[in-house]
Full PDB file with SEQRES, HELIX, SHEET, SSBOND, CRYST1, ORIGX, SCALE, CONECT and MASTER records, all heavy atoms in Angstrom:
SEQRES   1 A   36  ARG ILE ASP ILE THR ARG LEU ASN VAL ASP THR SER THR          
SEQRES   2 A   36  ASP GLU LYS GLY ASN PHE SER VAL PHE GLY GLU ALA ARG          
SEQRES   3 A   36  ILE ARG ALA VAL GLY PHE LYS GLU SER ASP                      
SHEET    1 AA1 2 ILE A   2  ASP A  10  0                                        
SHEET    2 AA1 2 SER A  20  ILE A  27 -1                                        
CRYST1    1.000    1.000    1.000  90.00  90.00  90.00 P 1           1          
ORIGX1      1.000000  0.000000  0.000000        0.00000                         
ORIGX2      0.000000  1.000000  0.000000        0.00000                         
ORIGX3      0.000000  0.000000  1.000000        0.00000                         
SCALE1      1.000000  0.000000  0.000000        0.00000                         
SCALE2      0.000000  1.000000  0.000000        0.00000                         
SCALE3      0.000000  0.000000  1.000000        0.00000                         
ATOM      1  N   ARG A   1     -38.707-117.557 298.104  1.00  0.00           N  
ATOM      2  CA  ARG A   1     -37.373-117.048 298.450  1.00  0.00           C  
ATOM      3  C   ARG A   1     -37.135-117.248 299.943  1.00  0.00           C  
ATOM      4  O   ARG A   1     -38.019-117.004 300.762  1.00  0.00           O  
ATOM      5  CB  ARG A   1     -37.272-115.573 298.088  1.00  0.00           C  
ATOM      6  CG  ARG A   1     -35.921-114.960 298.417  1.00  0.00           C  
ATOM      7  CD  ARG A   1     -35.782-113.579 297.866  1.00  0.00           C  
ATOM      8  NE  ARG A   1     -36.457-112.645 298.754  1.00  0.00           N  
ATOM      9  CZ  ARG A   1     -36.644-111.370 298.453  1.00  0.00           C  
ATOM     10  NH1 ARG A   1     -36.265-110.885 297.289  1.00  0.00           N  
ATOM     11  NH2 ARG A   1     -37.237-110.564 299.305  1.00  0.00           N  
ATOM     12  N   ILE A   2     -35.933-117.682 300.262  1.00  0.00           N  
ATOM     13  CA  ILE A   2     -35.519-117.835 301.654  1.00  0.00           C  
ATOM     14  C   ILE A   2     -34.500-116.745 301.956  1.00  0.00           C  
ATOM     15  O   ILE A   2     -33.507-116.601 301.241  1.00  0.00           O  
ATOM     16  CB  ILE A   2     -34.916-119.229 301.915  1.00  0.00           C  
ATOM     17  CG1 ILE A   2     -35.974-120.313 301.674  1.00  0.00           C  
ATOM     18  CG2 ILE A   2     -34.350-119.312 303.321  1.00  0.00           C  
ATOM     19  CD1 ILE A   2     -35.452-121.731 301.782  1.00  0.00           C  
ATOM     20  N   ASP A   3     -34.774-115.972 303.002  1.00  0.00           N  
ATOM     21  CA  ASP A   3     -33.863-114.919 303.446  1.00  0.00           C  
ATOM     22  C   ASP A   3     -33.319-115.283 304.815  1.00  0.00           C  
ATOM     23  O   ASP A   3     -34.079-115.626 305.722  1.00  0.00           O  
ATOM     24  CB  ASP A   3     -34.590-113.573 303.542  1.00  0.00           C  
ATOM     25  CG  ASP A   3     -35.117-113.089 302.200  1.00  0.00           C  
ATOM     26  OD1 ASP A   3     -34.366-113.160 301.214  1.00  0.00           O  
ATOM     27  OD2 ASP A   3     -36.286-112.652 302.146  1.00  0.00           O  
ATOM     28  N   ILE A   4     -32.004-115.194 304.967  1.00  0.00           N  
ATOM     29  CA  ILE A   4     -31.369-115.368 306.271  1.00  0.00           C  
ATOM     30  C   ILE A   4     -31.492-114.015 306.976  1.00  0.00           C  
ATOM     31  O   ILE A   4     -30.946-113.016 306.517  1.00  0.00           O  
ATOM     32  CB  ILE A   4     -29.886-115.779 306.140  1.00  0.00           C  
ATOM     33  CG1 ILE A   4     -29.738-117.024 305.249  1.00  0.00           C  
ATOM     34  CG2 ILE A   4     -29.271-115.973 307.510  1.00  0.00           C  
ATOM     35  CD1 ILE A   4     -30.422-118.260 305.751  1.00  0.00           C  
ATOM     36  N   THR A   5     -32.239-113.968 308.056  1.00  0.00           N  
ATOM     37  CA  THR A   5     -32.503-112.692 308.731  1.00  0.00           C  
ATOM     38  C   THR A   5     -31.535-112.418 309.874  1.00  0.00           C  
ATOM     39  O   THR A   5     -31.339-111.264 310.246  1.00  0.00           O  
ATOM     40  CB  THR A   5     -33.949-112.659 309.269  1.00  0.00           C  
ATOM     41  OG1 THR A   5     -34.135-113.766 310.151  1.00  0.00           O  
ATOM     42  CG2 THR A   5     -34.954-112.721 308.134  1.00  0.00           C  
ATOM     43  N   ARG A   6     -30.936-113.457 310.425  1.00  0.00           N  
ATOM     44  CA  ARG A   6     -29.990-113.258 311.517  1.00  0.00           C  
ATOM     45  C   ARG A   6     -29.031-114.436 311.570  1.00  0.00           C  
ATOM     46  O   ARG A   6     -29.447-115.590 311.443  1.00  0.00           O  
ATOM     47  CB  ARG A   6     -30.755-113.152 312.828  1.00  0.00           C  
ATOM     48  CG  ARG A   6     -29.914-112.648 313.975  1.00  0.00           C  
ATOM     49  CD  ARG A   6     -30.818-112.165 315.062  1.00  0.00           C  
ATOM     50  NE  ARG A   6     -30.572-112.957 316.260  1.00  0.00           N  
ATOM     51  CZ  ARG A   6     -31.315-112.892 317.328  1.00  0.00           C  
ATOM     52  NH1 ARG A   6     -32.373-112.124 317.357  1.00  0.00           N  
ATOM     53  NH2 ARG A   6     -31.024-113.606 318.385  1.00  0.00           N  
ATOM     54  N   LEU A   7     -27.758-114.123 311.745  1.00  0.00           N  
ATOM     55  CA  LEU A   7     -26.738-115.159 311.845  1.00  0.00           C  
ATOM     56  C   LEU A   7     -25.660-114.649 312.806  1.00  0.00           C  
ATOM     57  O   LEU A   7     -24.908-113.742 312.482  1.00  0.00           O  
ATOM     58  CB  LEU A   7     -26.145-115.442 310.462  1.00  0.00           C  
ATOM     59  CG  LEU A   7     -25.478-116.764 310.215  1.00  0.00           C  
ATOM     60  CD1 LEU A   7     -26.418-117.925 310.520  1.00  0.00           C  
ATOM     61  CD2 LEU A   7     -25.026-116.879 308.775  1.00  0.00           C  
ATOM     62  N   ASN A   8     -25.619-115.202 314.015  1.00  0.00           N  
ATOM     63  CA  ASN A   8     -24.668-114.782 315.046  1.00  0.00           C  
ATOM     64  C   ASN A   8     -23.736-115.929 315.385  1.00  0.00           C  
ATOM     65  O   ASN A   8     -24.186-117.062 315.570  1.00  0.00           O  
ATOM     66  CB  ASN A   8     -25.398-114.346 316.322  1.00  0.00           C  
ATOM     67  CG  ASN A   8     -26.279-113.143 316.091  1.00  0.00           C  
ATOM     68  OD1 ASN A   8     -26.012-112.318 315.224  1.00  0.00           O  
ATOM     69  ND2 ASN A   8     -27.345-113.044 316.857  1.00  0.00           N  
ATOM     70  N   VAL A   9     -22.463-115.613 315.507  1.00  0.00           N  
ATOM     71  CA  VAL A   9     -21.469-116.603 315.887  1.00  0.00           C  
ATOM     72  C   VAL A   9     -20.902-116.201 317.246  1.00  0.00           C  
ATOM     73  O   VAL A   9     -20.448-115.072 317.430  1.00  0.00           O  
ATOM     74  CB  VAL A   9     -20.329-116.676 314.849  1.00  0.00           C  
ATOM     75  CG1 VAL A   9     -19.285-117.700 315.277  1.00  0.00           C  
ATOM     76  CG2 VAL A   9     -20.878-117.018 313.475  1.00  0.00           C  
ATOM     77  N   ASP A  10     -20.976-117.116 318.200  1.00  0.00           N  
ATOM     78  CA  ASP A  10     -20.365-116.900 319.512  1.00  0.00           C  
ATOM     79  C   ASP A  10     -19.043-117.667 319.490  1.00  0.00           C  
ATOM     80  O   ASP A  10     -19.030-118.896 319.519  1.00  0.00           O  
ATOM     81  CB  ASP A  10     -21.287-117.425 320.613  1.00  0.00           C  
ATOM     82  CG  ASP A  10     -20.720-117.219 321.995  1.00  0.00           C  
ATOM     83  OD1 ASP A  10     -19.591-116.680 322.116  1.00  0.00           O  
ATOM     84  OD2 ASP A  10     -21.390-117.608 322.972  1.00  0.00           O  
ATOM     85  N   THR A  11     -17.934-116.950 319.419  1.00  0.00           N  
ATOM     86  CA  THR A  11     -16.628-117.596 319.262  1.00  0.00           C  
ATOM     87  C   THR A  11     -16.036-118.118 320.563  1.00  0.00           C  
ATOM     88  O   THR A  11     -14.970-118.711 320.546  1.00  0.00           O  
ATOM     89  CB  THR A  11     -15.632-116.626 318.586  1.00  0.00           C  
ATOM     90  OG1 THR A  11     -15.536-115.434 319.363  1.00  0.00           O  
ATOM     91  CG2 THR A  11     -16.057-116.311 317.167  1.00  0.00           C  
ATOM     92  N   SER A  12     -16.705-117.898 321.694  1.00  0.00           N  
ATOM     93  CA  SER A  12     -16.200-118.502 322.933  1.00  0.00           C  
ATOM     94  C   SER A  12     -16.414-120.015 322.836  1.00  0.00           C  
ATOM     95  O   SER A  12     -17.425-120.485 322.338  1.00  0.00           O  
ATOM     96  CB  SER A  12     -16.897-117.920 324.156  1.00  0.00           C  
ATOM     97  OG  SER A  12     -18.283-118.139 324.090  1.00  0.00           O  
ATOM     98  N   THR A  13     -15.439-120.746 323.287  1.00  0.00           N  
ATOM     99  CA  THR A  13     -15.471-122.201 323.113  1.00  0.00           C  
ATOM    100  C   THR A  13     -15.640-122.922 324.441  1.00  0.00           C  
ATOM    101  O   THR A  13     -15.332-122.387 325.504  1.00  0.00           O  
ATOM    102  CB  THR A  13     -14.155-122.684 322.449  1.00  0.00           C  
ATOM    103  OG1 THR A  13     -13.060-122.286 323.258  1.00  0.00           O  
ATOM    104  CG2 THR A  13     -14.011-122.118 321.056  1.00  0.00           C  
ATOM    105  N   ASP A  14     -16.124-124.147 324.337  1.00  0.00           N  
ATOM    106  CA  ASP A  14     -16.220-124.992 325.532  1.00  0.00           C  
ATOM    107  C   ASP A  14     -14.893-125.742 325.710  1.00  0.00           C  
ATOM    108  O   ASP A  14     -13.928-125.491 324.987  1.00  0.00           O  
ATOM    109  CB  ASP A  14     -17.427-125.929 325.442  1.00  0.00           C  
ATOM    110  CG  ASP A  14     -17.348-126.929 324.295  1.00  0.00           C  
ATOM    111  OD1 ASP A  14     -16.259-127.070 323.680  1.00  0.00           O  
ATOM    112  OD2 ASP A  14     -18.372-127.581 323.992  1.00  0.00           O  
ATOM    113  N   GLU A  15     -14.871-126.678 326.642  1.00  0.00           N  
ATOM    114  CA  GLU A  15     -13.624-127.418 326.920  1.00  0.00           C  
ATOM    115  C   GLU A  15     -13.158-128.262 325.736  1.00  0.00           C  
ATOM    116  O   GLU A  15     -11.993-128.623 325.645  1.00  0.00           O  
ATOM    117  CB  GLU A  15     -13.790-128.287 328.186  1.00  0.00           C  
ATOM    118  CG  GLU A  15     -14.818-129.394 328.108  1.00  0.00           C  
ATOM    119  CD  GLU A  15     -16.256-128.928 328.340  1.00  0.00           C  
ATOM    120  OE1 GLU A  15     -16.488-127.783 328.761  1.00  0.00           O  
ATOM    121  OE2 GLU A  15     -17.167-129.724 328.066  1.00  0.00           O  
ATOM    122  N   LYS A  16     -14.056-128.566 324.822  1.00  0.00           N  
ATOM    123  CA  LYS A  16     -13.677-129.359 323.643  1.00  0.00           C  
ATOM    124  C   LYS A  16     -13.357-128.484 322.434  1.00  0.00           C  
ATOM    125  O   LYS A  16     -13.064-128.989 321.365  1.00  0.00           O  
ATOM    126  CB  LYS A  16     -14.815-130.316 323.278  1.00  0.00           C  
ATOM    127  CG  LYS A  16     -15.056-131.385 324.315  1.00  0.00           C  
ATOM    128  CD  LYS A  16     -16.181-132.309 323.877  1.00  0.00           C  
ATOM    129  CE  LYS A  16     -16.457-133.348 324.943  1.00  0.00           C  
ATOM    130  NZ  LYS A  16     -17.593-134.203 324.587  1.00  0.00           N  
ATOM    131  N   GLY A  17     -13.475-127.178 322.586  1.00  0.00           N  
ATOM    132  CA  GLY A  17     -13.169-126.270 321.480  1.00  0.00           C  
ATOM    133  C   GLY A  17     -14.361-125.977 320.583  1.00  0.00           C  
ATOM    134  O   GLY A  17     -14.213-125.385 319.517  1.00  0.00           O  
ATOM    135  N   ASN A  18     -15.548-126.384 320.996  1.00  0.00           N  
ATOM    136  CA  ASN A  18     -16.750-126.128 320.209  1.00  0.00           C  
ATOM    137  C   ASN A  18     -17.265-124.714 320.465  1.00  0.00           C  
ATOM    138  O   ASN A  18     -17.189-124.217 321.580  1.00  0.00           O  
ATOM    139  CB  ASN A  18     -17.847-127.130 320.571  1.00  0.00           C  
ATOM    140  CG  ASN A  18     -17.457-128.542 320.234  1.00  0.00           C  
ATOM    141  OD1 ASN A  18     -16.885-128.817 319.195  1.00  0.00           O  
ATOM    142  ND2 ASN A  18     -17.757-129.468 321.133  1.00  0.00           N  
ATOM    143  N   PHE A  19     -17.790-124.115 319.435  1.00  0.00           N  
ATOM    144  CA  PHE A  19     -18.413-122.800 319.556  1.00  0.00           C  
ATOM    145  C   PHE A  19     -19.797-122.871 318.937  1.00  0.00           C  
ATOM    146  O   PHE A  19     -20.147-123.864 318.310  1.00  0.00           O  
ATOM    147  CB  PHE A  19     -17.549-121.708 318.902  1.00  0.00           C  
ATOM    148  CG  PHE A  19     -17.338-121.877 317.428  1.00  0.00           C  
ATOM    149  CD1 PHE A  19     -18.109-121.159 316.518  1.00  0.00           C  
ATOM    150  CD2 PHE A  19     -16.361-122.739 316.941  1.00  0.00           C  
ATOM    151  CE1 PHE A  19     -17.926-121.315 315.158  1.00  0.00           C  
ATOM    152  CE2 PHE A  19     -16.174-122.891 315.576  1.00  0.00           C  
ATOM    153  CZ  PHE A  19     -16.947-122.175 314.679  1.00  0.00           C  
ATOM    154  N   SER A  20     -20.609-121.834 319.117  1.00  0.00           N  
ATOM    155  CA  SER A  20     -21.998-121.922 318.675  1.00  0.00           C  
ATOM    156  C   SER A  20     -22.326-120.872 317.612  1.00  0.00           C  
ATOM    157  O   SER A  20     -21.712-119.803 317.552  1.00  0.00           O  
ATOM    158  CB  SER A  20     -22.958-121.781 319.854  1.00  0.00           C  
ATOM    159  OG  SER A  20     -22.782-120.529 320.468  1.00  0.00           O  
ATOM    160  N   VAL A  21     -23.309-121.248 316.785  1.00  0.00           N  
ATOM    161  CA  VAL A  21     -23.829-120.364 315.743  1.00  0.00           C  
ATOM    162  C   VAL A  21     -25.343-120.366 315.883  1.00  0.00           C  
ATOM    163  O   VAL A  21     -25.957-121.427 316.024  1.00  0.00           O  
ATOM    164  CB  VAL A  21     -23.443-120.851 314.324  1.00  0.00           C  
ATOM    165  CG1 VAL A  21     -23.989-119.920 313.266  1.00  0.00           C  
ATOM    166  CG2 VAL A  21     -21.943-121.000 314.200  1.00  0.00           C  
ATOM    167  N   PHE A  22     -25.927-119.179 315.875  1.00  0.00           N  
ATOM    168  CA  PHE A  22     -27.383-119.038 315.965  1.00  0.00           C  
ATOM    169  C   PHE A  22     -27.871-118.350 314.707  1.00  0.00           C  
ATOM    170  O   PHE A  22     -27.290-117.360 314.271  1.00  0.00           O  
ATOM    171  CB  PHE A  22     -27.766-118.207 317.200  1.00  0.00           C  
ATOM    172  CG  PHE A  22     -29.235-117.916 317.277  1.00  0.00           C  
ATOM    173  CD1 PHE A  22     -30.129-118.871 317.722  1.00  0.00           C  
ATOM    174  CD2 PHE A  22     -29.734-116.691 316.860  1.00  0.00           C  
ATOM    175  CE1 PHE A  22     -31.493-118.616 317.774  1.00  0.00           C  
ATOM    176  CE2 PHE A  22     -31.085-116.419 316.911  1.00  0.00           C  
ATOM    177  CZ  PHE A  22     -31.969-117.379 317.372  1.00  0.00           C  
ATOM    178  N   GLY A  23     -28.935-118.881 314.121  1.00  0.00           N  
ATOM    179  CA  GLY A  23     -29.458-118.266 312.907  1.00  0.00           C  
ATOM    180  C   GLY A  23     -30.960-118.267 312.855  1.00  0.00           C  
ATOM    181  O   GLY A  23     -31.618-119.099 313.488  1.00  0.00           O  
ATOM    182  N   GLU A  24     -31.493-117.310 312.125  1.00  0.00           N  
ATOM    183  CA  GLU A  24     -32.928-117.225 311.850  1.00  0.00           C  
ATOM    184  C   GLU A  24     -33.102-116.961 310.361  1.00  0.00           C  
ATOM    185  O   GLU A  24     -32.278-116.285 309.745  1.00  0.00           O  
ATOM    186  CB  GLU A  24     -33.571-116.077 312.630  1.00  0.00           C  
ATOM    187  CG  GLU A  24     -33.608-116.279 314.124  1.00  0.00           C  
ATOM    188  CD  GLU A  24     -34.232-115.098 314.859  1.00  0.00           C  
ATOM    189  OE1 GLU A  24     -34.561-114.078 314.215  1.00  0.00           O  
ATOM    190  OE2 GLU A  24     -34.377-115.203 316.085  1.00  0.00           O  
ATOM    191  N   ALA A  25     -34.183-117.473 309.830  1.00  0.00           N  
ATOM    192  CA  ALA A  25     -34.480-117.275 308.412  1.00  0.00           C  
ATOM    193  C   ALA A  25     -35.977-117.222 308.223  1.00  0.00           C  
ATOM    194  O   ALA A  25     -36.741-117.628 309.099  1.00  0.00           O  
ATOM    195  CB  ALA A  25     -33.874-118.405 307.581  1.00  0.00           C  
ATOM    196  N   ARG A  26     -36.399-116.717 307.082  1.00  0.00           N  
ATOM    197  CA  ARG A  26     -37.824-116.727 306.744  1.00  0.00           C  
ATOM    198  C   ARG A  26     -37.962-117.123 305.279  1.00  0.00           C  
ATOM    199  O   ARG A  26     -37.062-116.898 304.468  1.00  0.00           O  
ATOM    200  CB  ARG A  26     -38.469-115.370 307.000  1.00  0.00           C  
ATOM    201  CG  ARG A  26     -38.117-114.331 305.979  1.00  0.00           C  
ATOM    202  CD  ARG A  26     -38.897-113.067 306.198  1.00  0.00           C  
ATOM    203  NE  ARG A  26     -38.384-112.069 305.273  1.00  0.00           N  
ATOM    204  CZ  ARG A  26     -38.647-110.811 305.343  1.00  0.00           C  
ATOM    205  NH1 ARG A  26     -39.423-110.356 306.290  1.00  0.00           N  
ATOM    206  NH2 ARG A  26     -38.155-109.974 304.473  1.00  0.00           N  
ATOM    207  N   ILE A  27     -39.079-117.710 305.002  1.00  0.00           N  
ATOM    208  CA  ILE A  27     -39.386-118.096 303.626  1.00  0.00           C  
ATOM    209  C   ILE A  27     -40.631-117.335 303.199  1.00  0.00           C  
ATOM    210  O   ILE A  27     -41.565-117.156 303.983  1.00  0.00           O  
ATOM    211  CB  ILE A  27     -39.581-119.627 303.480  1.00  0.00           C  
ATOM    212  CG1 ILE A  27     -39.713-120.022 302.013  1.00  0.00           C  
ATOM    213  CG2 ILE A  27     -40.759-120.106 304.300  1.00  0.00           C  
ATOM    214  CD1 ILE A  27     -39.589-121.503 301.766  1.00  0.00           C  
ATOM    215  N   ARG A  28     -40.593-116.852 301.981  1.00  0.00           N  
ATOM    216  CA  ARG A  28     -41.755-116.173 301.419  1.00  0.00           C  
ATOM    217  C   ARG A  28     -42.051-116.815 300.069  1.00  0.00           C  
ATOM    218  O   ARG A  28     -41.140-117.167 299.324  1.00  0.00           O  
ATOM    219  CB  ARG A  28     -41.482-114.675 301.237  1.00  0.00           C  
ATOM    220  CG  ARG A  28     -41.289-113.971 302.558  1.00  0.00           C  
ATOM    221  CD  ARG A  28     -41.267-112.481 302.423  1.00  0.00           C  
ATOM    222  NE  ARG A  28     -40.010-112.037 301.850  1.00  0.00           N  
ATOM    223  CZ  ARG A  28     -39.762-110.773 301.556  1.00  0.00           C  
ATOM    224  NH1 ARG A  28     -40.668-109.846 301.728  1.00  0.00           N  
ATOM    225  NH2 ARG A  28     -38.597-110.426 301.063  1.00  0.00           N  
ATOM    226  N   ALA A  29     -43.325-116.943 299.785  1.00  0.00           N  
ATOM    227  CA  ALA A  29     -43.745-117.546 298.521  1.00  0.00           C  
ATOM    228  C   ALA A  29     -45.033-116.891 298.062  1.00  0.00           C  
ATOM    229  O   ALA A  29     -45.848-116.453 298.872  1.00  0.00           O  
ATOM    230  CB  ALA A  29     -43.950-119.053 298.691  1.00  0.00           C  
ATOM    231  N   VAL A  30     -45.176-116.818 296.753  1.00  0.00           N  
ATOM    232  CA  VAL A  30     -46.405-116.313 296.155  1.00  0.00           C  
ATOM    233  C   VAL A  30     -46.946-117.441 295.285  1.00  0.00           C  
ATOM    234  O   VAL A  30     -46.237-117.989 294.442  1.00  0.00           O  
ATOM    235  CB  VAL A  30     -46.155-115.049 295.306  1.00  0.00           C  
ATOM    236  CG1 VAL A  30     -47.444-114.562 294.675  1.00  0.00           C  
ATOM    237  CG2 VAL A  30     -45.514-113.947 296.145  1.00  0.00           C  
ATOM    238  N   GLY A  31     -48.197-117.793 295.521  1.00  0.00           N  
ATOM    239  CA  GLY A  31     -48.795-118.886 294.767  1.00  0.00           C  
ATOM    240  C   GLY A  31     -50.217-118.561 294.368  1.00  0.00           C  
ATOM    241  O   GLY A  31     -50.725-117.474 294.657  1.00  0.00           O  
ATOM    242  N   PHE A  32     -50.833-119.491 293.713  1.00  0.00           N  
ATOM    243  CA  PHE A  32     -52.210-119.337 293.249  1.00  0.00           C  
ATOM    244  C   PHE A  32     -52.844-120.711 293.163  1.00  0.00           C  
ATOM    245  O   PHE A  32     -52.150-121.729 293.164  1.00  0.00           O  
ATOM    246  CB  PHE A  32     -52.252-118.636 291.887  1.00  0.00           C  
ATOM    247  CG  PHE A  32     -51.492-119.371 290.806  1.00  0.00           C  
ATOM    248  CD1 PHE A  32     -52.153-120.261 289.964  1.00  0.00           C  
ATOM    249  CD2 PHE A  32     -50.128-119.188 290.647  1.00  0.00           C  
ATOM    250  CE1 PHE A  32     -51.462-120.946 288.978  1.00  0.00           C  
ATOM    251  CE2 PHE A  32     -49.431-119.871 289.653  1.00  0.00           C  
ATOM    252  CZ  PHE A  32     -50.092-120.743 288.823  1.00  0.00           C  
ATOM    253  N   LYS A  33     -54.159-120.702 293.114  1.00  0.00           N  
ATOM    254  CA  LYS A  33     -54.873-121.960 292.943  1.00  0.00           C  
ATOM    255  C   LYS A  33     -54.914-122.277 291.450  1.00  0.00           C  
ATOM    256  O   LYS A  33     -55.539-121.564 290.677  1.00  0.00           O  
ATOM    257  CB  LYS A  33     -56.289-121.863 293.502  1.00  0.00           C  
ATOM    258  CG  LYS A  33     -56.344-121.818 294.999  1.00  0.00           C  
ATOM    259  CD  LYS A  33     -57.781-121.848 295.484  1.00  0.00           C  
ATOM    260  CE  LYS A  33     -57.840-121.864 296.984  1.00  0.00           C  
ATOM    261  NZ  LYS A  33     -59.232-121.866 297.464  1.00  0.00           N  
ATOM    262  N   GLU A  34     -54.253-123.343 291.082  1.00  0.00           N  
ATOM    263  CA  GLU A  34     -54.223-123.730 289.675  1.00  0.00           C  
ATOM    264  C   GLU A  34     -55.623-124.101 289.193  1.00  0.00           C  
ATOM    265  O   GLU A  34     -55.952-123.912 288.026  1.00  0.00           O  
ATOM    266  CB  GLU A  34     -53.243-124.882 289.456  1.00  0.00           C  
ATOM    267  CG  GLU A  34     -52.891-125.074 287.991  1.00  0.00           C  
ATOM    268  CD  GLU A  34     -51.764-126.060 287.794  1.00  0.00           C  
ATOM    269  OE1 GLU A  34     -51.875-127.209 288.270  1.00  0.00           O  
ATOM    270  OE2 GLU A  34     -50.778-125.683 287.152  1.00  0.00           O  
ATOM    271  N   SER A  35     -56.475-124.566 290.101  1.00  0.00           N  
ATOM    272  CA  SER A  35     -57.854-124.901 289.722  1.00  0.00           C  
ATOM    273  C   SER A  35     -58.600-123.640 289.261  1.00  0.00           C  
ATOM    274  O   SER A  35     -59.430-123.713 288.355  1.00  0.00           O  
ATOM    275  CB  SER A  35     -58.589-125.568 290.880  1.00  0.00           C  
ATOM    276  OG  SER A  35     -58.641-124.703 291.996  1.00  0.00           O  
ATOM    277  N   ASP A  36     -58.292-122.480 289.870  1.00  0.00           N  
ATOM    278  CA  ASP A  36     -58.902-121.227 289.425  1.00  0.00           C  
ATOM    279  C   ASP A  36     -58.448-120.870 288.013  1.00  0.00           C  
ATOM    280  O   ASP A  36     -59.238-120.406 287.195  1.00  0.00           O  
ATOM    281  CB  ASP A  36     -58.553-120.077 290.381  1.00  0.00           C  
ATOM    282  CG  ASP A  36     -59.230-120.208 291.729  1.00  0.00           C  
ATOM    283  OD1 ASP A  36     -60.176-121.028 291.855  1.00  0.00           O  
ATOM    284  OD2 ASP A  36     -58.814-119.499 292.659  1.00  0.00           O  
TER     285      ASP A  36                                                      
MASTER        0    0    0    0    2    0    0    6  284    1    0    3          
END                                                                             
């Protein structure tokens, strides 16, 4: 499962009208050794 842990949007723009988005996520998985 992938969880988005943080997503921030800075709506201030540069001279071209671009703005920035910052995000963080984590992935969690449960597995096993199939050989076992």
